[in-house]
């Protein structure tokens, strides 16, 4: 698992998302000051299953395309 701070994540988020999607991996972004965390998961392989969990009024968006 790779861990980075919020400032680094802001500067490199698009690259991380592309890399994660290609690798089928995940990334944990943690704010050490507040303790808040964000988990980015490459979910392309599970997209159909994950969409089934969304309420009908929400629309899923595939940002990888």
PDB file of N, CA and C in Angstrom:
ATOM      1  N   UNK A   1       0.848  -1.171   0.000  1.00  0.00           N
ATOM      2  CA  UNK A   1       0.000   0.000   0.000  1.00  0.00           C
ATOM      3  C   UNK A   1       0.890   1.229   0.000  1.00  0.00           C
ATOM      4  N   UNK A   2       0.509   2.220  -0.790  1.00  0.00           N
ATOM      5  CA  UNK A   2       1.241   3.473  -0.860  1.00  0.00           C
ATOM      6  C   UNK A   2       0.443   4.536  -0.117  1.00  0.00           C
ATOM      7  N   UNK A   3       1.131   5.365   0.654  1.00  0.00           N
ATOM      8  CA  UNK A   3       0.466   6.416   1.418  1.00  0.00           C
ATOM      9  C   UNK A   3       1.122   7.750   1.091  1.00  0.00           C
ATOM     10  N   UNK A   4       0.308   8.790   0.809  1.00  0.00           N
ATOM     11  CA  UNK A   4       0.821  10.125   0.506  1.00  0.00           C
ATOM     12  C   UNK A   4       0.031  11.152   1.301  1.00  0.00           C
ATOM     13  N   UNK A   5       0.549  12.398   1.363  1.00  0.00           N
ATOM     14  CA  UNK A   5      -0.191  13.448   2.066  1.00  0.00           C
ATOM     15  C   UNK A   5      -1.126  14.174   1.101  1.00  0.00           C
ATOM     16  N   UNK A   6      -1.996  15.010   1.644  1.00  0.00           N
ATOM     17  CA  UNK A   6      -3.030  15.677   0.853  1.00  0.00           C
ATOM     18  C   UNK A   6      -2.429  16.601  -0.197  1.00  0.00           C
ATOM     19  N   UNK A   7      -1.379  17.333   0.146  1.00  0.00           N
ATOM     20  CA  UNK A   7      -0.756  18.249  -0.811  1.00  0.00           C
ATOM     21  C   UNK A   7      -0.235  17.502  -2.029  1.00  0.00           C
ATOM     22  N   UNK A   8       0.428  16.393  -1.807  1.00  0.00           N
ATOM     23  CA  UNK A   8       0.919  15.578  -2.921  1.00  0.00           C
ATOM     24  C   UNK A   8      -0.242  15.043  -3.753  1.00  0.00           C
ATOM     25  N   UNK A   9      -1.304  14.641  -3.101  1.00  0.00           N
ATOM     26  CA  UNK A   9      -2.458  14.086  -3.811  1.00  0.00           C
ATOM     27  C   UNK A   9      -3.087  15.116  -4.731  1.00  0.00           C
ATOM     28  N   UNK A  10      -3.202  16.352  -4.262  1.00  0.00           N
ATOM     29  CA  UNK A  10      -3.775  17.416  -5.092  1.00  0.00           C
ATOM     30  C   UNK A  10      -2.944  17.628  -6.351  1.00  0.00           C
ATOM     31  N   UNK A  11      -1.642  17.578  -6.217  1.00  0.00           N
ATOM     32  CA  UNK A  11      -0.752  17.837  -7.350  1.00  0.00           C
ATOM     33  C   UNK A  11      -0.732  16.695  -8.361  1.00  0.00           C
ATOM     34  N   UNK A  12      -1.032  15.494  -7.931  1.00  0.00           N
ATOM     35  CA  UNK A  12      -0.850  14.325  -8.793  1.00  0.00           C
ATOM     36  C   UNK A  12      -2.087  13.447  -8.951  1.00  0.00           C
ATOM     37  N   UNK A  13      -3.254  13.927  -8.566  1.00  0.00           N
ATOM     38  CA  UNK A  13      -4.445  13.082  -8.527  1.00  0.00           C
ATOM     39  C   UNK A  13      -4.776  12.441  -9.879  1.00  0.00           C
ATOM     40  N   UNK A  14      -4.753  13.201 -10.948  1.00  0.00           N
ATOM     41  CA  UNK A  14      -5.097  12.632 -12.255  1.00  0.00           C
ATOM     42  C   UNK A  14      -4.153  11.503 -12.649  1.00  0.00           C
ATOM     43  N   UNK A  15      -2.864  11.689 -12.404  1.00  0.00           N
ATOM     44  CA  UNK A  15      -1.892  10.639 -12.731  1.00  0.00           C
ATOM     45  C   UNK A  15      -2.138   9.397 -11.887  1.00  0.00           C
ATOM     46  N   UNK A  16      -2.407   9.604 -10.602  1.00  0.00           N
ATOM     47  CA  UNK A  16      -2.679   8.463  -9.727  1.00  0.00           C
ATOM     48  C   UNK A  16      -3.910   7.689 -10.188  1.00  0.00           C
ATOM     49  N   UNK A  17      -4.958   8.393 -10.552  1.00  0.00           N
ATOM     50  CA  UNK A  17      -6.187   7.720 -10.977  1.00  0.00           C
ATOM     51  C   UNK A  17      -5.926   6.887 -12.227  1.00  0.00           C
ATOM     52  N   UNK A  18      -5.217   7.443 -13.195  1.00  0.00           N
ATOM     53  CA  UNK A  18      -4.884   6.678 -14.408  1.00  0.00           C
ATOM     54  C   UNK A  18      -4.033   5.451 -14.071  1.00  0.00           C
ATOM     55  N   UNK A  19      -3.010   5.652 -13.237  1.00  0.00           N
ATOM     56  CA  UNK A  19      -2.135   4.534 -12.860  1.00  0.00           C
ATOM     57  C   UNK A  19      -2.899   3.453 -12.102  1.00  0.00           C
ATOM     58  N   UNK A  20      -3.764   3.872 -11.176  1.00  0.00           N
ATOM     59  CA  UNK A  20      -4.539   2.903 -10.397  1.00  0.00           C
ATOM     60  C   UNK A  20      -5.459   2.098 -11.290  1.00  0.00           C
ATOM     61  N   UNK A  21      -6.091   2.776 -12.239  1.00  0.00           N
ATOM     62  CA  UNK A  21      -7.014   2.079 -13.127  1.00  0.00           C
ATOM     63  C   UNK A  21      -6.278   1.047 -13.974  1.00  0.00           C
ATOM     64  N   UNK A  22      -5.109   1.408 -14.458  1.00  0.00           N
ATOM     65  CA  UNK A  22      -4.330   0.475 -15.274  1.00  0.00           C
ATOM     66  C   UNK A  22      -3.831  -0.709 -14.460  1.00  0.00           C
ATOM     67  N   UNK A  23      -3.465  -0.461 -13.208  1.00  0.00           N
ATOM     68  CA  UNK A  23      -2.878  -1.517 -12.382  1.00  0.00           C
ATOM     69  C   UNK A  23      -3.913  -2.317 -11.596  1.00  0.00           C
ATOM     70  N   UNK A  24      -5.152  -1.811 -11.516  1.00  0.00           N
ATOM     71  CA  UNK A  24      -6.159  -2.483 -10.700  1.00  0.00           C
ATOM     72  C   UNK A  24      -5.792  -2.444  -9.230  1.00  0.00           C
ATOM     73  N   UNK A  25      -5.328  -1.288  -8.760  1.00  0.00           N
ATOM     74  CA  UNK A  25      -4.788  -1.171  -7.410  1.00  0.00           C
ATOM     75  C   UNK A  25      -5.577  -0.157  -6.582  1.00  0.00           C
ATOM     76  N   UNK A  26      -5.003   0.292  -5.456  1.00  0.00           N
ATOM     77  CA  UNK A  26      -5.637   1.293  -4.599  1.00  0.00           C
ATOM     78  C   UNK A  26      -4.574   2.196  -3.982  1.00  0.00           C
ATOM     79  N   UNK A  27      -5.018   3.349  -3.478  1.00  0.00           N
ATOM     80  CA  UNK A  27      -4.130   4.338  -2.888  1.00  0.00           C
ATOM     81  C   UNK A  27      -4.812   4.955  -1.682  1.00  0.00           C
ATOM     82  N   UNK A  28      -4.120   5.044  -0.567  1.00  0.00           N
ATOM     83  CA  UNK A  28      -4.633   5.684   0.637  1.00  0.00           C
ATOM     84  C   UNK A  28      -3.995   7.058   0.761  1.00  0.00           C
ATOM     85  N   UNK A  29      -4.829   8.119   0.824  1.00  0.00           N
ATOM     86  CA  UNK A  29      -4.370   9.492   1.015  1.00  0.00           C
ATOM     87  C   UNK A  29      -4.768   9.887   2.426  1.00  0.00           C
ATOM     88  N   UNK A  30      -3.780  10.263   3.241  1.00  0.00           N
ATOM     89  CA  UNK A  30      -4.064  10.569   4.644  1.00  0.00           C
ATOM     90  C   UNK A  30      -3.592  11.976   4.987  1.00  0.00           C
ATOM     91  N   UNK A  31      -4.455  12.735   5.674  1.00  0.00           N
ATOM     92  CA  UNK A  31      -4.091  14.044   6.207  1.00  0.00           C
ATOM     93  C   UNK A  31      -3.604  13.817   7.631  1.00  0.00           C
ATOM     94  N   UNK A  32      -2.298  13.884   7.833  1.00  0.00           N
ATOM     95  CA  UNK A  32      -1.729  13.597   9.150  1.00  0.00           C
ATOM     96  C   UNK A  32      -2.148  14.613  10.206  1.00  0.00           C
ATOM     97  N   UNK A  33      -2.468  15.836   9.781  1.00  0.00           N
ATOM     98  CA  UNK A  33      -2.880  16.868  10.730  1.00  0.00           C
ATOM     99  C   UNK A  33      -4.265  16.587  11.290  1.00  0.00           C
ATOM    100  N   UNK A  34      -5.199  16.191  10.430  1.00  0.00           N
ATOM    101  CA  UNK A  34      -6.584  15.975  10.868  1.00  0.00           C
ATOM    102  C   UNK A  34      -6.927  14.508  11.085  1.00  0.00           C
ATOM    103  N   UNK A  35      -6.130  13.628  10.525  1.00  0.00           N
ATOM    104  CA  UNK A  35      -6.437  12.205  10.621  1.00  0.00           C
ATOM    105  C   UNK A  35      -7.426  11.733   9.566  1.00  0.00           C
ATOM    106  N   UNK A  36      -7.915  12.646   8.727  1.00  0.00           N
ATOM    107  CA  UNK A  36      -8.852  12.272   7.667  1.00  0.00           C
ATOM    108  C   UNK A  36      -8.123  11.441   6.612  1.00  0.00           C
ATOM    109  N   UNK A  37      -8.856  10.565   5.971  1.00  0.00           N
ATOM    110  CA  UNK A  37      -8.253   9.713   4.948  1.00  0.00           C
ATOM    111  C   UNK A  37      -9.203   9.549   3.771  1.00  0.00           C
ATOM    112  N   UNK A  38      -8.621   9.314   2.616  1.00  0.00           N
ATOM    113  CA  UNK A  38      -9.356   9.076   1.381  1.00  0.00           C
ATOM    114  C   UNK A  38      -8.767   7.829   0.749  1.00  0.00           C
ATOM    115  N   UNK A  39      -9.615   6.907   0.367  1.00  0.00           N
ATOM    116  CA  UNK A  39      -9.166   5.679  -0.269  1.00  0.00           C
ATOM    117  C   UNK A  39      -9.629   5.691  -1.717  1.00  0.00           C
ATOM    118  N   UNK A  40      -8.679   5.659  -2.650  1.00  0.00           N
ATOM    119  CA  UNK A  40      -8.986   5.575  -4.079  1.00  0.00           C
ATOM    120  C   UNK A  40      -8.815   4.127  -4.500  1.00  0.00           C
ATOM    121  N   UNK A  41      -9.841   3.583  -5.115  1.00  0.00           N
ATOM    122  CA  UNK A  41      -9.817   2.181  -5.521  1.00  0.00           C
ATOM    123  C   UNK A  41     -10.091   2.090  -7.016  1.00  0.00           C
ATOM    124  N   UNK A  42      -9.287   1.330  -7.710  1.00  0.00           N
ATOM    125  CA  UNK A  42      -9.566   1.049  -9.105  1.00  0.00           C
ATOM    126  C   UNK A  42     -10.697   0.028  -9.149  1.00  0.00           C
ATOM    127  N   UNK A  43     -11.850   0.469  -9.578  1.00  0.00           N
ATOM    128  CA  UNK A  43     -13.028  -0.393  -9.513  1.00  0.00           C
ATOM    129  C   UNK A  43     -13.535  -0.811 -10.887  1.00  0.00           C
ATOM    130  N   UNK A  44     -12.738  -0.619 -11.921  1.00  0.00           N
ATOM    131  CA  UNK A  44     -13.194  -0.953 -13.270  1.00  0.00           C
ATOM    132  C   UNK A  44     -13.700  -2.377 -13.372  1.00  0.00           C
ATOM    133  N   UNK A  45     -12.984  -3.297 -12.744  1.00  0.00           N
ATOM    134  CA  UNK A  45     -13.370  -4.705 -12.858  1.00  0.00           C
ATOM    135  C   UNK A  45     -14.649  -5.021 -12.099  1.00  0.00           C
ATOM    136  N   UNK A  46     -15.039  -4.146 -11.158  1.00  0.00           N
ATOM    137  CA  UNK A  46     -16.254  -4.386 -10.376  1.00  0.00           C
ATOM    138  C   UNK A  46     -17.336  -3.348 -10.652  1.00  0.00           C
ATOM    139  N   UNK A  47     -17.206  -2.589 -11.742  1.00  0.00           N
ATOM    140  CA  UNK A  47     -18.110  -1.469 -11.994  1.00  0.00           C
ATOM    141  C   UNK A  47     -19.582  -1.884 -11.983  1.00  0.00           C
ATOM    142  N   UNK A  48     -19.940  -2.932 -12.679  1.00  0.00           N
ATOM    143  CA  UNK A  48     -21.349  -3.342 -12.746  1.00  0.00           C
ATOM    144  C   UNK A  48     -21.894  -3.688 -11.363  1.00  0.00           C
ATOM    145  N   UNK A  49     -21.106  -4.405 -10.581  1.00  0.00           N
ATOM    146  CA  UNK A  49     -21.555  -4.776  -9.235  1.00  0.00           C
ATOM    147  C   UNK A  49     -21.683  -3.545  -8.337  1.00  0.00           C
ATOM    148  N   UNK A  50     -20.726  -2.618  -8.429  1.00  0.00           N
ATOM    149  CA  UNK A  50     -20.772  -1.414  -7.597  1.00  0.00           C
ATOM    150  C   UNK A  50     -21.955  -0.523  -7.969  1.00  0.00           C
ATOM    151  N   UNK A  51     -22.261  -0.422  -9.264  1.00  0.00           N
ATOM    152  CA  UNK A  51     -23.391   0.391  -9.693  1.00  0.00           C
ATOM    153  C   UNK A  51     -24.701  -0.139  -9.131  1.00  0.00           C
ATOM    154  N   UNK A  52     -24.786  -1.431  -8.907  1.00  0.00           N
ATOM    155  CA  UNK A  52     -26.026  -1.995  -8.366  1.00  0.00           C
ATOM    156  C   UNK A  52     -26.284  -1.523  -6.938  1.00  0.00           C
ATOM    157  N   UNK A  53     -25.253  -1.034  -6.241  1.00  0.00           N
ATOM    158  CA  UNK A  53     -25.422  -0.523  -4.881  1.00  0.00           C
ATOM    159  C   UNK A  53     -25.920   0.922  -4.845  1.00  0.00           C
ATOM    160  N   UNK A  54     -25.813   1.637  -5.972  1.00  0.00           N
ATOM    161  CA  UNK A  54     -26.229   3.038  -6.007  1.00  0.00           C
ATOM    162  C   UNK A  54     -27.746   3.148  -6.008  1.00  0.00           C
ATOM    163  N   UNK A  55     -28.289   4.148  -5.312  1.00  0.00           N
ATOM    164  CA  UNK A  55     -29.731   4.390  -5.405  1.00  0.00           C
ATOM    165  C   UNK A  55     -30.093   4.727  -6.853  1.00  0.00           C
ATOM    166  N   UNK A  56     -31.311   4.421  -7.244  1.00  0.00           N
ATOM    167  CA  UNK A  56     -31.726   4.632  -8.633  1.00  0.00           C
ATOM    168  C   UNK A  56     -31.589   6.080  -9.074  1.00  0.00           C
ATOM    169  N   UNK A  57     -31.763   7.035  -8.140  1.00  0.00           N
ATOM    170  CA  UNK A  57     -31.698   8.447  -8.519  1.00  0.00           C
ATOM    171  C   UNK A  57     -30.265   8.932  -8.750  1.00  0.00           C
ATOM    172  N   UNK A  58     -29.276   8.112  -8.417  1.00  0.00           N
ATOM    173  CA  UNK A  58     -27.883   8.483  -8.661  1.00  0.00           C
ATOM    174  C   UNK A  58     -27.401   7.836  -9.943  1.00  0.00           C
ATOM    175  N   UNK A  59     -26.560   8.555 -10.668  1.00  0.00           N
ATOM    176  CA  UNK A  59     -26.022   8.030 -11.914  1.00  0.00           C
ATOM    177  C   UNK A  59     -24.542   7.744 -11.737  1.00  0.00           C
ATOM    178  N   UNK A  60     -24.106   6.575 -12.127  1.00  0.00           N
ATOM    179  CA  UNK A  60     -22.685   6.230 -12.056  1.00  0.00           C
ATOM    180  C   UNK A  60     -21.972   6.828 -13.260  1.00  0.00           C
ATOM    181  N   UNK A  61     -20.753   7.291 -13.051  1.00  0.00           N
ATOM    182  CA  UNK A  61     -19.957   7.866 -14.122  1.00  0.00           C
ATOM    183  C   UNK A  61     -18.648   7.111 -14.219  1.00  0.00           C
ATOM    184  N   UNK A  62     -18.306   6.690 -15.421  1.00  0.00           N
ATOM    185  CA  UNK A  62     -17.036   6.006 -15.640  1.00  0.00           C
ATOM    186  C   UNK A  62     -16.029   7.039 -16.110  1.00  0.00           C
ATOM    187  N   UNK A  63     -15.174   7.507 -15.201  1.00  0.00           N
ATOM    188  CA  UNK A  63     -14.190   8.525 -15.527  1.00  0.00           C
ATOM    189  C   UNK A  63     -12.994   7.956 -16.269  1.00  0.00           C
ATOM    190  N   UNK A  64     -12.889   6.651 -16.338  1.00  0.00           N
ATOM    191  CA  UNK A  64     -11.752   6.024 -17.012  1.00  0.00           C
ATOM    192  C   UNK A  64     -11.881   6.099 -18.525  1.00  0.00           C
ATOM    193  N   UNK A  65     -13.076   6.311 -19.022  1.00  0.00           N
ATOM    194  CA  UNK A  65     -13.270   6.340 -20.481  1.00  0.00           C
ATOM    195  C   UNK A  65     -12.834   7.653 -21.071  1.00  0.00           C
TER     196      UNK A  65
END
